[in-house]
Protein backbone atom coordinates (compact mmCIF):
# COMPACT_ATOMS: atom_id res chain seq x y z
CA MET A 1 230.30 6.15 46.36
CA THR A 2 233.68 4.91 46.56
CA GLU A 3 234.50 1.44 47.13
CA THR A 4 237.33 0.98 49.42
CA LEU A 5 238.95 -2.37 50.23
CA PHE A 6 238.76 -3.10 54.17
CA LEU A 7 241.91 -5.71 55.14
CA SER A 8 241.36 -7.49 58.71
CA SER A 9 244.43 -8.44 60.54
CA ASP A 10 243.81 -11.59 59.41
CA ASP A 11 243.88 -10.37 55.84
CA VAL A 12 247.19 -8.24 56.27
CA ALA A 13 249.00 -11.32 58.37
CA GLY A 14 251.45 -12.54 56.31
CA LEU A 15 250.89 -11.30 53.08
CA ALA A 16 254.65 -9.64 53.17
CA THR A 17 258.14 -10.63 54.10
CA PRO A 18 260.44 -8.33 56.26
CA ALA A 19 262.78 -8.13 53.15
CA GLU A 20 259.62 -6.51 51.42
CA TYR A 21 258.83 -4.25 54.12
CA VAL A 22 262.27 -2.97 54.48
CA ASP A 23 262.27 -2.21 50.24
CA ALA A 24 259.06 -0.24 50.83
CA VAL A 25 259.97 1.62 54.02
CA ARG A 26 262.90 2.23 52.43
CA ASP A 27 261.66 3.87 49.32
CA GLY A 28 259.55 5.83 51.50
CA TYR A 29 261.97 7.46 52.77
CA ARG A 30 263.77 7.68 50.32
CA GLN A 31 260.95 9.94 49.27
CA ARG A 32 260.63 11.76 52.03
CA GLY A 33 264.72 12.66 51.97
CA GLU A 34 263.52 14.25 48.45
CA GLY A 35 261.03 16.21 50.13
CA ALA A 36 257.86 14.46 50.46
CA PRO A 37 255.71 15.70 53.78
CA ALA A 38 255.31 13.89 56.65
CA ASP A 39 253.94 14.71 60.32
CA PRO A 40 255.23 13.15 63.42
CA ARG A 41 252.33 12.28 65.97
CA THR A 42 250.17 14.05 67.88
CA ALA A 43 249.68 12.23 71.31
CA LEU A 44 246.49 12.83 73.31
CA TYR A 45 247.21 11.45 76.88
CA ASN A 46 244.75 10.35 79.35
CA ASP A 47 245.19 9.80 83.19
CA ASP A 48 242.29 8.40 84.18
CA PRO A 49 242.15 5.50 83.31
CA ALA A 50 245.72 6.19 81.52
CA GLY A 51 246.06 6.10 78.00
CA LEU A 52 247.23 7.25 74.75
CA PHE A 53 245.50 8.67 71.77
CA THR A 54 247.42 9.42 68.74
CA SER A 55 247.92 9.57 64.76
CA TYR A 56 250.54 10.70 62.15
CA THR A 57 250.43 11.01 58.61
CA ALA A 58 252.52 11.28 55.28
CA VAL A 59 252.30 11.51 51.66
CA LEU A 60 254.54 9.44 49.90
CA PRO A 61 253.99 10.56 45.62
CA ASP A 62 256.65 8.02 43.68
CA THR A 63 254.29 5.04 45.75
CA GLY A 64 250.80 7.25 44.87
CA VAL A 65 249.56 6.94 48.24
CA MET A 66 249.34 9.21 51.68
CA GLY A 67 248.07 7.80 54.61
CA GLY A 68 249.05 7.00 58.51
CA TYR A 69 247.61 5.76 61.72
CA MET A 70 245.27 6.51 64.54
CA TYR A 71 245.66 4.62 66.91
CA SER A 72 244.51 3.96 70.91
CA ALA A 73 246.70 2.06 73.56
CA GLY A 74 245.83 1.47 77.51
CA PHE A 75 242.76 3.23 78.47
CA GLY A 76 240.24 0.51 80.31
CA GLU A 77 240.96 -2.78 78.44
CA GLY A 78 244.87 -2.01 78.54
CA ASP A 79 245.21 -3.00 74.56
CA ALA A 80 245.83 -1.24 71.38
CA TRP A 81 243.69 -1.07 68.32
CA PHE A 82 245.45 0.23 64.95
CA VAL A 83 243.52 1.84 62.31
CA THR A 84 245.27 2.43 58.97
CA PRO A 85 243.80 4.88 55.98
CA LEU A 86 245.05 4.80 52.56
CA PHE A 87 244.38 6.89 50.28
CA ASP A 88 244.91 7.89 46.39
CA ALA A 89 247.85 10.52 46.33
CA ASP A 90 246.73 11.84 42.77
CA SER A 91 242.80 11.56 42.86
CA GLY A 92 242.59 11.77 46.64
CA GLU A 93 239.78 8.93 47.30
CA PRO A 94 240.37 6.56 49.77
CA LEU A 95 242.05 3.22 49.03
CA ALA A 96 241.66 1.10 51.94
CA LEU A 97 241.26 0.41 55.12
CA LEU A 98 243.48 -1.93 57.10
CA ASP A 99 243.64 -3.08 60.69
CA GLY A 100 246.94 -2.22 61.35
CA ALA A 101 247.91 -4.89 64.29
CA SER A 102 249.52 -7.01 62.20
CA MET A 103 251.56 -5.11 60.43
CA ASN A 104 252.35 -3.18 62.82
CA PRO A 105 255.92 -5.25 64.13
CA PHE A 106 257.06 -5.72 60.66
CA LYS A 107 257.01 -1.43 59.18
CA THR A 108 258.20 -0.70 62.70
CA GLY A 109 260.90 -3.22 61.77
CA ALA A 110 261.78 -2.48 58.51
CA THR A 111 262.82 1.35 59.92
CA GLY A 112 264.89 0.06 61.92
CA ALA A 113 266.44 -2.12 59.58
CA VAL A 114 266.30 0.48 56.76
CA GLY A 115 268.37 2.95 59.64
CA VAL A 116 270.45 -0.45 59.99
CA ASP A 117 271.77 -0.70 56.37
CA ALA A 118 272.11 2.69 56.40
CA LEU A 119 274.15 3.71 59.44
CA ALA A 120 275.80 0.12 60.49
CA ARG A 121 279.13 -0.77 59.55
CA PRO A 122 279.08 -3.11 56.44
CA ASP A 123 280.54 -5.81 58.63
CA ALA A 124 278.06 -6.07 61.53
CA THR A 125 277.18 -9.43 62.77
CA ALA A 126 276.68 -9.20 66.56
CA VAL A 127 273.72 -7.71 68.04
CA GLY A 128 272.33 -6.45 71.56
CA VAL A 129 268.60 -6.30 72.02
CA PHE A 130 266.89 -4.69 74.83
CA GLY A 131 262.98 -5.90 75.11
CA SER A 132 261.54 -9.29 74.31
CA GLY A 133 258.23 -8.63 73.09
CA ALA A 134 256.37 -7.87 69.74
CA GLN A 135 258.73 -4.50 68.55
CA ALA A 136 261.55 -5.96 69.52
CA ARG A 137 260.85 -9.38 66.97
CA GLY A 138 260.05 -7.37 64.52
CA GLN A 139 263.32 -5.11 64.88
CA LEU A 140 265.30 -8.50 65.15
CA ARG A 141 263.79 -10.16 61.56
CA ALA A 142 263.94 -7.23 59.95
CA ILE A 143 267.45 -6.63 60.82
CA ASP A 144 268.61 -9.95 59.51
CA THR A 145 267.55 -9.13 55.87
CA VAL A 146 270.03 -6.17 55.62
CA ARG A 147 272.84 -7.62 57.63
CA ASP A 148 274.63 -11.26 57.79
CA ILE A 149 273.73 -11.75 61.83
CA GLU A 150 275.91 -14.55 63.42
CA THR A 151 275.33 -13.58 67.59
CA VAL A 152 272.39 -11.89 69.74
CA TRP A 153 272.44 -11.70 73.08
CA VAL A 154 269.21 -10.26 74.38
CA TYR A 155 268.18 -8.82 77.61
CA SER A 156 265.41 -7.33 79.48
CA PRO A 157 264.25 -7.45 83.23
CA THR A 158 262.05 -10.63 83.42
CA LYS A 159 264.34 -13.59 82.99
CA SER A 160 261.52 -15.96 81.48
CA SER A 161 260.64 -13.17 78.94
CA ARG A 162 263.89 -12.82 77.53
CA GLU A 163 264.91 -16.63 77.62
CA SER A 164 261.48 -17.68 76.04
CA PHE A 165 262.43 -15.21 73.56
CA ALA A 166 265.19 -16.01 72.66
CA GLY A 167 265.09 -19.67 72.41
CA GLU A 168 262.26 -18.17 70.13
CA MET A 169 264.80 -16.41 67.53
CA ASP A 170 267.42 -18.81 67.88
CA ARG A 171 264.93 -21.15 66.02
CA ARG A 172 263.60 -18.77 63.72
CA LEU A 173 266.57 -17.20 62.62
CA ASP A 174 270.48 -18.51 61.29
CA ALA A 175 272.15 -16.90 64.56
CA SER A 176 273.19 -17.98 67.79
CA VAL A 177 270.77 -16.21 70.10
CA ALA A 178 271.25 -16.07 73.84
CA ALA A 179 269.35 -14.46 76.97
CA VAL A 180 271.85 -12.73 78.86
CA SER A 181 271.66 -11.41 82.73
CA SER A 182 272.76 -8.22 82.53
CA SER A 183 272.48 -4.50 80.04
CA ALA A 184 276.18 -4.48 79.88
CA ALA A 185 276.25 -7.72 78.42
CA ALA A 186 273.85 -7.07 75.90
CA VAL A 187 276.15 -4.05 74.64
CA GLU A 188 279.39 -5.76 75.16
CA GLY A 189 280.96 -6.35 71.62
CA ALA A 190 277.43 -5.68 70.22
CA ASP A 191 278.19 -4.12 66.64
CA ILE A 192 274.30 -3.03 66.59
CA VAL A 193 272.13 -1.95 69.48
CA VAL A 194 268.32 -2.00 69.71
CA THR A 195 266.36 -0.69 72.18
CA ALA A 196 262.53 -1.90 72.13
CA THR A 197 261.30 -1.21 75.48
CA ASN A 198 259.02 0.55 77.33
CA SER A 199 261.46 2.08 79.81
CA PRO A 200 261.31 5.58 80.97
CA GLU A 201 264.89 5.45 81.75
CA PRO A 202 268.04 5.11 80.12
CA VAL A 203 268.45 0.78 79.75
CA PHE A 204 272.12 0.75 79.10
CA ASP A 205 275.37 3.04 79.60
CA GLY A 206 276.31 4.72 77.01
CA ASP A 207 280.66 4.83 78.35
CA LEU A 208 280.04 1.04 77.48
CA LEU A 209 279.12 1.28 73.31
CA ASP A 210 282.49 -0.02 71.60
CA PRO A 211 283.77 2.16 68.59
CA GLY A 212 281.85 1.92 65.81
CA THR A 213 278.74 0.51 67.12
CA HIS A 214 275.37 1.44 65.94
CA VAL A 215 272.33 2.01 67.95
CA THR A 216 268.17 2.18 67.21
CA ALA A 217 266.23 3.27 69.69
CA MET A 218 262.71 2.94 68.68
CA GLY A 219 260.94 2.27 72.18
CA GLN A 220 260.23 5.65 73.38
CA TYR A 221 258.49 8.83 72.06
CA HIS A 222 257.62 11.33 75.53
CA PRO A 223 259.48 14.27 76.05
CA GLU A 224 259.93 13.17 79.94
CA LYS A 225 260.79 9.52 78.76
CA ARG A 226 264.07 8.09 77.27
CA GLU A 227 265.94 5.09 76.41
CA LEU A 228 269.36 6.60 75.86
CA ASP A 229 271.54 8.21 78.25
CA GLU A 230 273.22 11.49 77.21
CA ARG A 231 276.32 10.13 77.40
CA THR A 232 275.14 8.11 74.36
CA VAL A 233 273.57 11.25 72.75
CA GLU A 234 276.77 13.02 73.00
CA ARG A 235 278.92 10.49 71.44
CA ALA A 236 276.95 9.50 68.40
CA THR A 237 276.16 10.85 65.12
CA TYR A 238 272.28 11.35 65.89
CA VAL A 239 269.85 10.69 62.99
CA VAL A 240 266.32 11.32 63.59
CA ASP A 241 263.36 9.89 61.36
CA LEU A 242 261.90 13.42 61.33
CA ARG A 243 263.94 16.66 62.56
CA ASP A 244 260.16 18.16 64.17
CA ARG A 245 260.36 15.25 66.73
CA LEU A 246 263.31 16.56 68.47
CA THR A 247 261.70 19.87 70.36
CA GLN A 248 258.20 17.24 70.58
CA ASP A 249 258.60 14.00 71.81
CA ALA A 250 262.53 12.85 71.45
CA GLY A 251 262.80 12.20 74.95
CA SER A 252 266.79 11.16 74.84
CA TYR A 253 267.84 13.99 72.46
CA MET A 254 265.73 16.41 74.89
CA HIS A 255 267.55 15.77 78.00
CA ALA A 256 270.67 15.92 76.14
CA VAL A 257 270.15 19.26 75.38
CA ASP A 258 268.83 20.21 78.44
CA SER A 259 271.47 18.56 80.45
CA GLY A 260 274.46 20.64 78.15
CA ALA A 261 275.48 17.24 77.04
CA VAL A 262 275.06 18.65 73.50
CA ASP A 263 274.15 21.36 71.76
CA ALA A 264 270.49 21.87 70.11
CA ASP A 265 272.31 21.55 66.64
CA HIS A 266 273.42 18.13 67.45
CA CYS A 267 271.06 16.05 65.20
CA HIS A 268 273.05 14.94 62.08
CA ALA A 269 270.25 14.33 59.84
CA GLU A 270 267.01 12.70 59.34
CA LEU A 271 267.23 9.44 58.02
CA GLY A 272 265.55 10.08 54.66
CA GLU A 273 268.15 12.71 54.02
CA VAL A 274 270.32 9.69 54.72
CA VAL A 275 269.11 6.95 52.18
CA ALA A 276 268.48 9.58 49.62
CA GLY A 277 272.17 10.49 49.82
CA VAL A 278 271.08 14.13 50.52
CA ALA A 279 273.66 13.60 53.98
CA GLU A 280 276.46 11.32 54.39
CA GLY A 281 275.62 8.59 57.05
CA ARG A 282 278.48 6.87 58.50
CA THR A 283 281.87 8.41 57.27
CA ASP A 284 283.97 5.74 59.14
CA GLU A 285 284.41 2.70 61.04
CA ASP A 286 284.86 3.76 64.56
CA GLU A 287 282.04 6.29 64.20
CA ILE A 288 279.24 6.00 66.99
CA THR A 289 275.58 6.30 65.31
CA VAL A 290 272.54 6.34 66.73
CA PHE A 291 268.76 6.53 64.76
CA ASP A 292 266.08 7.66 66.89
CA SER A 293 262.67 6.25 65.63
CA GLY A 294 259.37 7.30 66.97
CA GLY A 295 257.31 6.33 64.92
CA THR A 296 255.82 7.79 62.09
CA GLY A 297 253.47 7.78 59.15
CA ILE A 298 256.61 7.13 56.37
CA GLU A 299 256.48 3.58 57.40
CA THR A 300 253.06 3.11 57.80
CA ALA A 301 252.20 4.65 54.55
CA ALA A 302 254.58 2.53 52.82
CA GLY A 303 253.80 -0.78 54.76
CA ALA A 304 250.43 -0.11 53.48
CA ALA A 305 250.55 0.71 50.17
CA LEU A 306 252.25 -2.85 50.11
CA VAL A 307 250.11 -4.80 51.59
CA TYR A 308 246.90 -3.01 49.76
CA GLU A 309 248.77 -4.04 46.39
CA LYS A 310 249.48 -7.82 47.78
CA ALA A 311 245.94 -8.46 48.76
CA GLN A 312 244.39 -6.84 45.55
CA ASP A 313 246.82 -9.69 43.76
CA ALA A 314 245.37 -12.53 46.27
CA GLY A 315 241.62 -11.19 46.06
CA LEU A 316 241.58 -10.77 49.87
CA GLY A 317 239.66 -7.84 51.75
CA SER A 318 236.04 -6.65 51.38
CA THR A 319 234.97 -3.78 50.17
CA ILE A 320 233.29 -1.07 52.06
CA ASP A 321 231.62 2.08 50.64
CA PHE A 322 232.64 5.91 51.37
CA ALA A 323 230.22 8.83 50.52
CA PRO A 324 232.61 11.95 48.83
CA ALA A 325 231.69 15.15 50.20
CA SER A 326 230.23 16.15 47.22
CA ASP A 327 227.18 13.79 47.65
CA ALA A 328 227.14 13.24 50.99
CA LEU A 329 227.44 16.99 52.61
CA THR A 330 223.99 17.97 50.08
CA GLY A 331 221.67 18.98 53.11
CA ARG A 332 219.29 16.23 52.04
CA GLU A 333 216.76 14.81 54.50
């Protein structure tokens, strides 16, 4: 038997700071840029009841782990459950099994922040945020660790949601955070634009982006849904988390290619290639950049490894036993 650490959502909550998640995820993408294997999600959609069952994986050899997510979202309960297995990359043994709910906004936010750090102008101080949920919150808190944010404009369709979100983040961040009443107002004057929505259609007009703007799109991973219009993709140096997504679930990019706005080879690089120095990031202050983040096992394994080590140091979690196949598959009655 192999003793494996089980970490509940309560165990994971608060174990690491946003900055620590950013550092761990940045190193994960650096490893990807140097050749570490990772696959995009496999998504199974259900119509009745509507739901998504999905998984994705990655190996981080320098960190010494491999892992990813398997989760369900929607279905009859209309909720989501995130299961995160973490394995030793050398022995193959299971190290931990995490309830990934508490970690989710932080590791996803960290990915966006790594994209901002690699692609946004160093002097970026103004952020426009689309969305007012947990993922938008995670993105903003993580970005605040890599740029000196002074002003944030928040837009989401529901007035009470965007105002509540703005009030909360205004208290949390050393920045002025305000709700705005239109998508155009969120984009105007923004150095960084973040889309963290479930919208199936573009949430702003790409012609409104100022030269030098960076856009992080992280709310959609479906071939027929997109947060960005073709104009945004056309104007931008486009960076994706995994190239295999370009023909699988990067809806904004797929639509831009299908419409003829861009060629199929318009994608500049994977984020890991930029982080590792294999590909250039931003080359001038007027360049518009996009990071399309659909979620990968890279940030999940990196975040899980981070909290696993911290949980061990803090004596958190409980152990469960896993039987190796050499013991279990013996044909014993």
